[in-house]
């Protein structure tokens, strides 16, 4: 029997896990506002609190420090506020953060998710982008020098730094522990977008040394439209809530909670944590096997971020001379779902700000494809994709030659 489709776009969204669907269906079947005091309301509230504990466990946090949101973008926006303050001693030795200092500057990585690039509550003139090298890794010397300059020029102020743990387009991992130590020792606060990392490698918010961390359910095999901002145990005050109204989420995010979505998030987090020891190695095996076959078949292919540490599930590459949009259509017709990068651009194929920051030549960048594996991926998916890719490339190159000959 011939397979109809192969899905290799987990960095955009992962297929819903069956256990998650079952938990959500059960939650949807039961009525009750989690803020109500009657039996039905208390049952709904318990589902949320159970999920809060499950999500917290995935990143080594306390349940009371998990704030549920409508997704990763909202969680990032919530974190990026000049009102943020630490309410206790930070977790790194030598930390020089002082809660009384006003936050006057936001430093963000040049390859961040669009929700971080937007700057949250900071005006554009108070946002600076941290450059990356050609492999996509943050330039730590630049950051150290710039923070030292900031401290010297604005001794009464402080700053916020937001750096993703892993890039959604290339899978490149950032040295978050080192960055967190650098930020805290200069008196700043740090947030990390861990959306692409959670469940794919083991992470602990305390060991990372960050003050805030973002997650999104649908990257784990949970539902879309549910995320979380997780605060460090030493205490973080976000100031005025981004969403105001009722006192939900301990007064930090108003609005009746998405009980079914949150319940699904909790189950997805628990399943991811249960698989965390074996999962990364399986992903590396799939990705490395694919890349070996890719370069054996197309030695002219260009790999993005290959010189840096990367997530085991992500491979971003281009075949020079072929455009991503044409390749995506050919592969889709062949039964393969991949992407050209971030899925946050209204379904359009456009030039990648990530590859631009990495100084990738425009004519190469316009051919960028991203393959991302996940919880349901297997060796046969790689086989199917490699066969489809070979046929698609051969067909497109033949068409190009035909046009040139004419």
Protein backbone atom coordinates (compact mmCIF):
# COMPACT_ATOMS: atom_id res chain seq x y z
CA UNK A 1 0.00 0.00 0.00
CA UNK A 2 1.44 3.40 -0.98
CA UNK A 3 1.65 6.07 1.71
CA UNK A 4 -0.45 9.13 0.96
CA UNK A 5 1.42 11.80 2.97
CA UNK A 6 4.55 12.32 5.06
CA UNK A 7 4.56 15.17 7.57
CA UNK A 8 7.97 16.71 8.34
CA UNK A 9 7.06 20.16 9.65
CA UNK A 10 7.10 19.66 13.42
CA UNK A 11 8.75 23.01 14.09
CA UNK A 12 5.63 24.66 12.67
CA UNK A 13 3.25 22.40 14.60
CA UNK A 14 3.31 18.80 15.75
CA UNK A 15 0.44 16.38 15.11
CA UNK A 16 -1.84 16.04 18.13
CA UNK A 17 -0.92 13.04 20.28
CA UNK A 18 -3.81 10.55 20.74
CA UNK A 19 -3.55 10.78 24.53
CA UNK A 20 -3.85 14.56 24.29
CA UNK A 21 -6.96 14.31 22.14
CA UNK A 22 -8.51 11.93 24.66
CA UNK A 23 -7.80 14.30 27.57
CA UNK A 24 -9.21 17.28 25.67
CA UNK A 25 -12.33 15.39 24.62
CA UNK A 26 -12.97 14.41 28.22
CA UNK A 27 -12.49 18.01 29.38
CA UNK A 28 -14.79 19.37 26.68
CA UNK A 29 -17.51 16.94 27.69
CA UNK A 30 -17.63 18.31 31.24
CA UNK A 31 -19.14 21.70 32.00
CA UNK A 32 -17.78 24.10 34.60
CA UNK A 33 -16.05 27.47 34.82
CA UNK A 34 -12.79 27.01 36.73
CA UNK A 35 -13.50 30.19 38.72
CA UNK A 36 -16.82 28.84 40.02
CA UNK A 37 -17.02 27.34 43.51
CA UNK A 38 -19.51 24.56 42.73
CA UNK A 39 -18.54 20.96 42.03
CA UNK A 40 -18.30 21.42 38.27
CA UNK A 41 -16.17 24.53 38.66
CA UNK A 42 -13.82 22.83 41.12
CA UNK A 43 -13.40 19.90 38.71
CA UNK A 44 -12.44 22.28 35.90
CA UNK A 45 -10.06 24.12 38.24
CA UNK A 46 -8.41 20.82 39.18
CA UNK A 47 -7.77 20.00 35.52
CA UNK A 48 -5.93 23.29 35.16
CA UNK A 49 -3.87 22.81 38.31
CA UNK A 50 -2.97 19.25 37.34
CA UNK A 51 -1.79 20.53 33.97
CA UNK A 52 0.12 23.35 35.64
CA UNK A 53 2.11 20.79 37.62
CA UNK A 54 2.75 18.70 34.50
CA UNK A 55 4.02 21.67 32.50
CA UNK A 56 6.17 22.89 35.39
CA UNK A 57 7.77 19.45 35.73
CA UNK A 58 8.85 19.50 32.07
CA UNK A 59 11.20 22.43 32.78
CA UNK A 60 12.00 21.88 36.45
CA UNK A 61 9.84 24.78 37.65
CA UNK A 62 7.33 25.26 40.46
CA UNK A 63 3.68 24.92 39.50
CA UNK A 64 2.83 28.32 40.97
CA UNK A 65 5.28 29.94 38.55
CA UNK A 66 3.43 28.74 35.42
CA UNK A 67 1.20 31.33 33.71
CA UNK A 68 -1.02 29.86 30.99
CA UNK A 69 -1.49 31.98 27.85
CA UNK A 70 -3.07 31.69 24.42
CA UNK A 71 0.26 30.65 22.88
CA UNK A 72 3.99 31.25 22.73
CA UNK A 73 3.64 34.65 21.06
CA UNK A 74 1.50 35.97 23.91
CA UNK A 75 3.90 34.56 26.48
CA UNK A 76 6.84 36.27 24.75
CA UNK A 77 4.95 39.56 24.58
CA UNK A 78 4.04 39.26 28.26
CA UNK A 79 7.69 38.77 29.21
CA UNK A 80 8.99 41.73 27.20
CA UNK A 81 7.86 44.55 29.46
CA UNK A 82 9.91 47.38 30.96
CA UNK A 83 7.87 46.87 34.15
CA UNK A 84 9.46 43.48 34.92
CA UNK A 85 11.37 43.19 38.19
CA UNK A 86 12.97 40.41 40.21
CA UNK A 87 11.42 40.05 43.66
CA UNK A 88 14.11 37.83 45.17
CA UNK A 89 17.80 37.03 44.87
CA UNK A 90 18.60 35.62 41.42
CA UNK A 91 19.91 32.08 41.11
CA UNK A 92 23.45 32.75 39.84
CA UNK A 93 26.42 33.47 42.07
CA UNK A 94 27.67 37.01 41.56
CA UNK A 95 24.28 38.22 40.31
CA UNK A 96 24.10 42.01 40.42
CA UNK A 97 20.43 42.51 39.58
CA UNK A 98 18.78 45.27 41.64
CA UNK A 99 14.98 45.33 41.63
CA UNK A 100 14.83 49.09 42.10
CA UNK A 101 16.49 49.94 38.79
CA UNK A 102 14.15 50.85 35.91
CA UNK A 103 14.40 48.75 32.73
CA UNK A 104 15.33 51.13 29.91
CA UNK A 105 16.66 48.81 27.19
CA UNK A 106 15.73 45.54 25.49
CA UNK A 107 18.43 43.43 23.83
CA UNK A 108 17.20 40.64 21.54
CA UNK A 109 18.91 38.15 19.27
CA UNK A 110 18.87 39.05 15.59
CA UNK A 111 17.33 35.67 14.71
CA UNK A 112 14.47 35.69 17.22
CA UNK A 113 10.86 34.71 16.62
CA UNK A 114 8.74 37.57 15.18
CA UNK A 115 6.90 37.96 18.49
CA UNK A 116 10.21 38.84 20.16
CA UNK A 117 11.42 41.01 17.30
CA UNK A 118 8.22 43.06 17.79
CA UNK A 119 9.60 44.11 21.18
CA UNK A 120 6.57 43.66 23.43
CA UNK A 121 6.13 46.78 25.57
CA UNK A 122 9.35 48.46 24.42
CA UNK A 123 9.38 51.30 21.89
CA UNK A 124 11.58 50.58 18.87
CA UNK A 125 14.20 53.17 19.83
CA UNK A 126 14.91 51.23 23.03
CA UNK A 127 15.45 47.87 21.32
CA UNK A 128 18.84 46.63 20.12
CA UNK A 129 19.54 43.44 18.18
CA UNK A 130 22.43 41.20 19.15
CA UNK A 131 24.26 40.03 16.00
CA UNK A 132 24.95 36.38 15.21
CA UNK A 133 27.87 34.80 13.40
CA UNK A 134 27.56 32.95 10.09
CA UNK A 135 26.57 29.77 11.91
CA UNK A 136 23.71 31.60 13.63
CA UNK A 137 25.24 31.72 17.12
CA UNK A 138 24.99 34.90 19.17
CA UNK A 139 28.16 36.99 19.26
CA UNK A 140 28.92 36.89 22.97
CA UNK A 141 31.85 39.31 22.78
CA UNK A 142 29.56 41.91 21.20
CA UNK A 143 26.99 41.36 23.93
CA UNK A 144 29.56 41.56 26.74
CA UNK A 145 31.01 44.79 25.36
CA UNK A 146 27.58 46.35 24.82
CA UNK A 147 26.36 45.47 28.31
CA UNK A 148 29.54 46.85 29.85
CA UNK A 149 28.97 50.07 27.92
CA UNK A 150 25.35 50.20 29.07
CA UNK A 151 26.32 49.76 32.73
CA UNK A 152 28.93 52.49 32.43
CA UNK A 153 26.65 54.98 30.66
CA UNK A 154 23.41 54.22 32.55
CA UNK A 155 24.47 53.13 36.07
CA UNK A 156 21.03 53.85 37.56
CA UNK A 157 19.14 51.77 34.96
CA UNK A 158 18.85 48.11 34.02
CA UNK A 159 18.03 46.08 30.93
CA UNK A 160 16.21 42.99 29.68
CA UNK A 161 17.70 40.41 27.32
CA UNK A 162 15.61 37.93 25.31
CA UNK A 163 17.36 35.09 23.48
CA UNK A 164 15.76 31.95 22.07
CA UNK A 165 17.17 28.59 23.13
CA UNK A 166 16.92 27.19 19.61
CA UNK A 167 16.06 28.75 16.29
CA UNK A 168 12.90 27.49 14.61
CA UNK A 169 14.34 27.72 11.09
CA UNK A 170 17.84 26.28 11.55
CA UNK A 171 17.65 24.47 14.89
CA UNK A 172 20.78 26.33 16.05
CA UNK A 173 21.14 26.25 19.84
CA UNK A 174 22.29 29.29 21.80
CA UNK A 175 24.60 29.06 24.86
CA UNK A 176 21.85 30.17 27.24
CA UNK A 177 23.66 29.36 30.50
CA UNK A 178 26.63 31.46 29.48
CA UNK A 179 24.39 34.28 28.27
CA UNK A 180 22.34 34.21 31.51
CA UNK A 181 25.48 34.49 33.64
CA UNK A 182 26.70 37.39 31.50
CA UNK A 183 23.37 39.20 31.79
CA UNK A 184 22.97 38.73 35.54
CA UNK A 185 26.55 39.73 36.29
CA UNK A 186 25.89 42.98 34.42
CA UNK A 187 22.72 43.57 36.45
CA UNK A 188 20.11 42.60 33.87
CA UNK A 189 17.14 40.25 33.55
CA UNK A 190 16.93 37.45 30.98
CA UNK A 191 14.07 35.70 29.18
CA UNK A 192 14.39 32.75 26.82
CA UNK A 193 11.98 31.45 24.22
CA UNK A 194 12.22 27.68 24.72
CA UNK A 195 9.31 26.81 22.43
CA UNK A 196 11.36 24.71 20.02
CA UNK A 197 13.49 23.03 22.70
CA UNK A 198 11.00 21.83 25.30
CA UNK A 199 10.43 18.11 25.06
CA UNK A 200 13.26 17.66 22.54
CA UNK A 201 16.12 18.01 24.99
CA UNK A 202 16.08 18.04 28.79
CA UNK A 203 15.93 21.57 30.23
CA UNK A 204 15.71 22.98 33.74
CA UNK A 205 14.89 26.64 34.33
CA UNK A 206 17.05 26.74 37.46
CA UNK A 207 20.10 25.21 35.77
CA UNK A 208 19.73 27.53 32.79
CA UNK A 209 19.76 30.52 35.13
CA UNK A 210 17.06 32.44 33.24
CA UNK A 211 14.36 34.53 34.87
CA UNK A 212 11.54 33.75 32.43
CA UNK A 213 10.93 30.97 29.91
CA UNK A 214 8.31 30.54 27.16
CA UNK A 215 6.62 27.30 26.05
CA UNK A 216 3.98 26.41 23.46
CA UNK A 217 1.78 23.31 23.57
CA UNK A 218 1.50 22.61 19.85
CA UNK A 219 5.23 21.99 19.40
CA UNK A 220 4.95 19.07 21.85
CA UNK A 221 2.00 17.29 20.28
CA UNK A 222 -0.45 19.38 22.29
CA UNK A 223 -3.18 21.69 20.98
CA UNK A 224 -2.66 24.97 19.15
CA UNK A 225 -3.54 28.20 20.92
CA UNK A 226 -2.11 27.32 24.36
CA UNK A 227 1.22 28.40 25.79
CA UNK A 228 2.89 29.36 29.03
CA UNK A 229 5.25 31.88 30.50
CA UNK A 230 7.22 30.28 33.32
CA UNK A 231 8.92 32.38 35.98
CA UNK A 232 12.04 31.50 37.94
CA UNK A 233 11.69 30.39 41.56
CA UNK A 234 13.60 33.41 42.86
CA UNK A 235 10.55 35.53 41.97
CA UNK A 236 9.57 37.72 39.03
CA UNK A 237 7.00 40.53 38.99
CA UNK A 238 5.68 41.41 35.51
CA UNK A 239 4.01 44.63 36.65
CA UNK A 240 0.62 45.34 35.08
CA UNK A 241 -0.96 42.29 33.35
CA UNK A 242 -0.90 42.23 29.56
CA UNK A 243 -4.52 41.01 29.56
CA UNK A 244 -6.62 42.75 32.23
CA UNK A 245 -9.97 41.84 33.65
CA UNK A 246 -10.66 39.09 36.18
CA UNK A 247 -8.19 37.61 38.63
CA UNK A 248 -7.37 34.43 36.71
CA UNK A 249 -3.83 32.99 36.72
CA UNK A 250 -3.17 34.55 40.13
CA UNK A 251 -4.01 37.97 38.73
CA UNK A 252 -1.31 37.78 36.07
CA UNK A 253 -3.47 37.01 33.02
CA UNK A 254 -7.20 37.69 32.87
CA UNK A 255 -9.81 35.69 30.99
CA UNK A 256 -11.58 32.38 31.51
CA UNK A 257 -8.98 29.67 31.04
CA UNK A 258 -9.05 27.31 28.05
CA UNK A 259 -9.63 24.25 30.20
CA UNK A 260 -9.54 21.64 27.42
CA UNK A 261 -6.49 23.19 25.78
CA UNK A 262 -4.63 23.46 29.07
CA UNK A 263 -5.50 19.87 29.97
CA UNK A 264 -4.11 18.77 26.60
CA UNK A 265 -0.97 20.85 27.19
CA UNK A 266 -0.43 19.09 30.50
CA UNK A 267 -0.70 15.62 28.98
CA UNK A 268 1.62 16.57 26.12
CA UNK A 269 4.19 17.89 28.62
CA UNK A 270 3.99 14.74 30.70
CA UNK A 271 4.44 12.50 27.65
CA UNK A 272 7.38 14.59 26.47
CA UNK A 273 9.05 14.35 29.88
CA UNK A 274 8.55 10.58 29.94
CA UNK A 275 10.34 10.31 26.57
CA UNK A 276 13.09 12.84 27.25
CA UNK A 277 15.91 10.31 27.75
CA UNK A 278 15.40 8.36 24.51
CA UNK A 279 13.78 10.99 22.29
CA UNK A 280 16.80 13.20 21.46
CA UNK A 281 18.92 10.29 20.22
CA UNK A 282 16.12 9.08 17.97
CA UNK A 283 15.73 12.54 16.47
CA UNK A 284 19.47 12.88 15.83
CA UNK A 285 19.44 9.51 14.11
CA UNK A 286 16.65 10.54 11.76
CA UNK A 287 18.14 13.95 10.96
CA UNK A 288 21.72 12.77 10.52
CA UNK A 289 20.57 9.88 8.35
CA UNK A 290 18.64 12.30 6.18
CA UNK A 291 21.56 14.73 5.83
CA UNK A 292 23.95 11.94 4.85
CA UNK A 293 21.59 10.90 2.08
CA UNK A 294 20.97 14.50 1.10
CA UNK A 295 24.63 15.27 0.42
CA UNK A 296 25.27 11.91 -1.21
CA UNK A 297 22.43 12.71 -3.61
CA UNK A 298 22.99 16.48 -3.93
CA UNK A 299 26.59 17.37 -3.01
CA UNK A 300 25.93 20.96 -4.07
CA UNK A 301 23.34 21.42 -1.29
CA UNK A 302 24.05 24.06 1.36
CA UNK A 303 23.32 23.33 5.04
CA UNK A 304 22.41 26.26 7.30
CA UNK A 305 23.77 26.27 10.84
CA UNK A 306 25.61 22.99 10.37
CA UNK A 307 28.74 24.32 12.08
CA UNK A 308 26.87 25.09 15.31
CA UNK A 309 25.18 22.90 17.92
CA UNK A 310 21.65 22.19 16.68
CA UNK A 311 18.45 20.54 17.76
CA UNK A 312 18.46 16.93 16.69
CA UNK A 313 15.19 17.24 14.80
CA UNK A 314 15.95 20.16 12.45
CA UNK A 315 17.69 20.38 9.08
CA UNK A 316 17.65 23.57 7.01
CA UNK A 317 19.21 23.47 3.56
CA UNK A 318 19.04 24.82 0.02
CA UNK A 319 19.82 23.48 -3.42
CA UNK A 320 21.47 26.43 -5.23
CA UNK A 321 19.52 27.52 -8.28
CA UNK A 322 16.16 26.21 -7.00
CA UNK A 323 13.62 28.42 -5.25
CA UNK A 324 11.89 27.33 -2.07
CA UNK A 325 8.40 28.16 -3.30
CA UNK A 326 8.77 25.93 -6.36
CA UNK A 327 10.31 23.14 -4.29
CA UNK A 328 7.57 23.30 -1.67
CA UNK A 329 4.84 22.97 -4.29
CA UNK A 330 6.59 20.05 -5.98
CA UNK A 331 7.12 18.24 -2.69
CA UNK A 332 3.56 18.89 -1.56
CA UNK A 333 2.25 17.35 -4.77
CA UNK A 334 4.53 14.38 -4.11
CA UNK A 335 2.95 13.94 -0.67
CA UNK A 336 5.53 15.59 1.60
CA UNK A 337 4.89 18.49 3.99
CA UNK A 338 7.98 20.55 4.76
CA UNK A 339 8.45 24.33 5.00
CA UNK A 340 10.74 27.15 4.02
CA UNK A 341 11.20 28.38 7.60
CA UNK A 342 9.02 30.01 10.23
CA UNK A 343 5.28 29.40 9.87
CA UNK A 344 4.39 32.85 11.25
CA UNK A 345 4.19 34.74 7.96
CA UNK A 346 0.62 34.13 6.80
CA UNK A 347 1.61 31.12 4.73
CA UNK A 348 3.84 33.17 2.45
CA UNK A 349 7.34 32.26 1.31
CA UNK A 350 9.47 35.32 1.97
CA UNK A 351 13.09 36.14 2.62
CA UNK A 352 14.25 34.81 5.97
CA UNK A 353 15.47 37.37 8.51
CA UNK A 354 17.32 34.50 10.16
CA UNK A 355 19.40 33.68 7.09
CA UNK A 356 19.90 37.38 6.40
CA UNK A 357 21.34 37.82 9.91
CA UNK A 358 23.64 34.85 9.21
CA UNK A 359 24.93 36.65 6.08
CA UNK A 360 23.60 33.98 3.73
CA UNK A 361 23.64 35.18 0.12
CA UNK A 362 20.11 36.17 -1.03
CA UNK A 363 20.15 33.83 -4.03
CA UNK A 364 20.93 30.90 -1.72
CA UNK A 365 18.55 31.97 1.02
CA UNK A 366 15.60 32.09 -1.38
CA UNK A 367 15.93 28.32 -1.81
CA UNK A 368 15.90 27.47 1.90
CA UNK A 369 13.86 24.46 3.00
CA UNK A 370 13.35 23.21 6.54
CA UNK A 371 12.78 19.61 7.52
CA UNK A 372 11.76 19.02 11.13
CA UNK A 373 11.08 15.63 12.72
CA UNK A 374 9.01 14.82 15.80
CA UNK A 375 7.29 12.32 18.03
CA UNK A 376 5.63 10.32 15.23
CA UNK A 377 8.52 10.45 12.72
CA UNK A 378 10.19 7.23 11.60
CA UNK A 379 12.79 5.91 9.15
CA UNK A 380 10.20 5.29 6.46
CA UNK A 381 9.40 9.02 6.50
CA UNK A 382 13.03 9.74 5.59
CA UNK A 383 12.91 7.16 2.80
CA UNK A 384 9.73 8.63 1.38
CA UNK A 385 11.03 12.19 1.57
CA UNK A 386 14.44 11.47 0.02
CA UNK A 387 12.77 9.72 -2.91
CA UNK A 388 10.34 12.61 -3.38
CA UNK A 389 13.14 15.18 -3.07
CA UNK A 390 15.29 13.45 -5.67
CA UNK A 391 12.42 13.37 -8.14
CA UNK A 392 11.43 16.99 -7.46
CA UNK A 393 14.97 18.31 -7.86
CA UNK A 394 15.52 16.28 -11.01
CA UNK A 395 12.27 17.53 -12.52
CA UNK A 396 12.96 21.18 -11.67
CA UNK A 397 16.54 21.09 -12.96
CA UNK A 398 15.35 19.48 -16.20
CA UNK A 399 12.78 22.25 -16.64
CA UNK A 400 15.46 24.87 -16.10
CA UNK A 401 17.71 23.26 -18.69
CA UNK A 402 14.81 23.09 -21.12
CA UNK A 403 14.09 26.79 -20.71
CA UNK A 404 17.74 27.70 -21.18
CA UNK A 405 17.97 25.53 -24.31
CA UNK A 406 14.93 27.23 -25.77
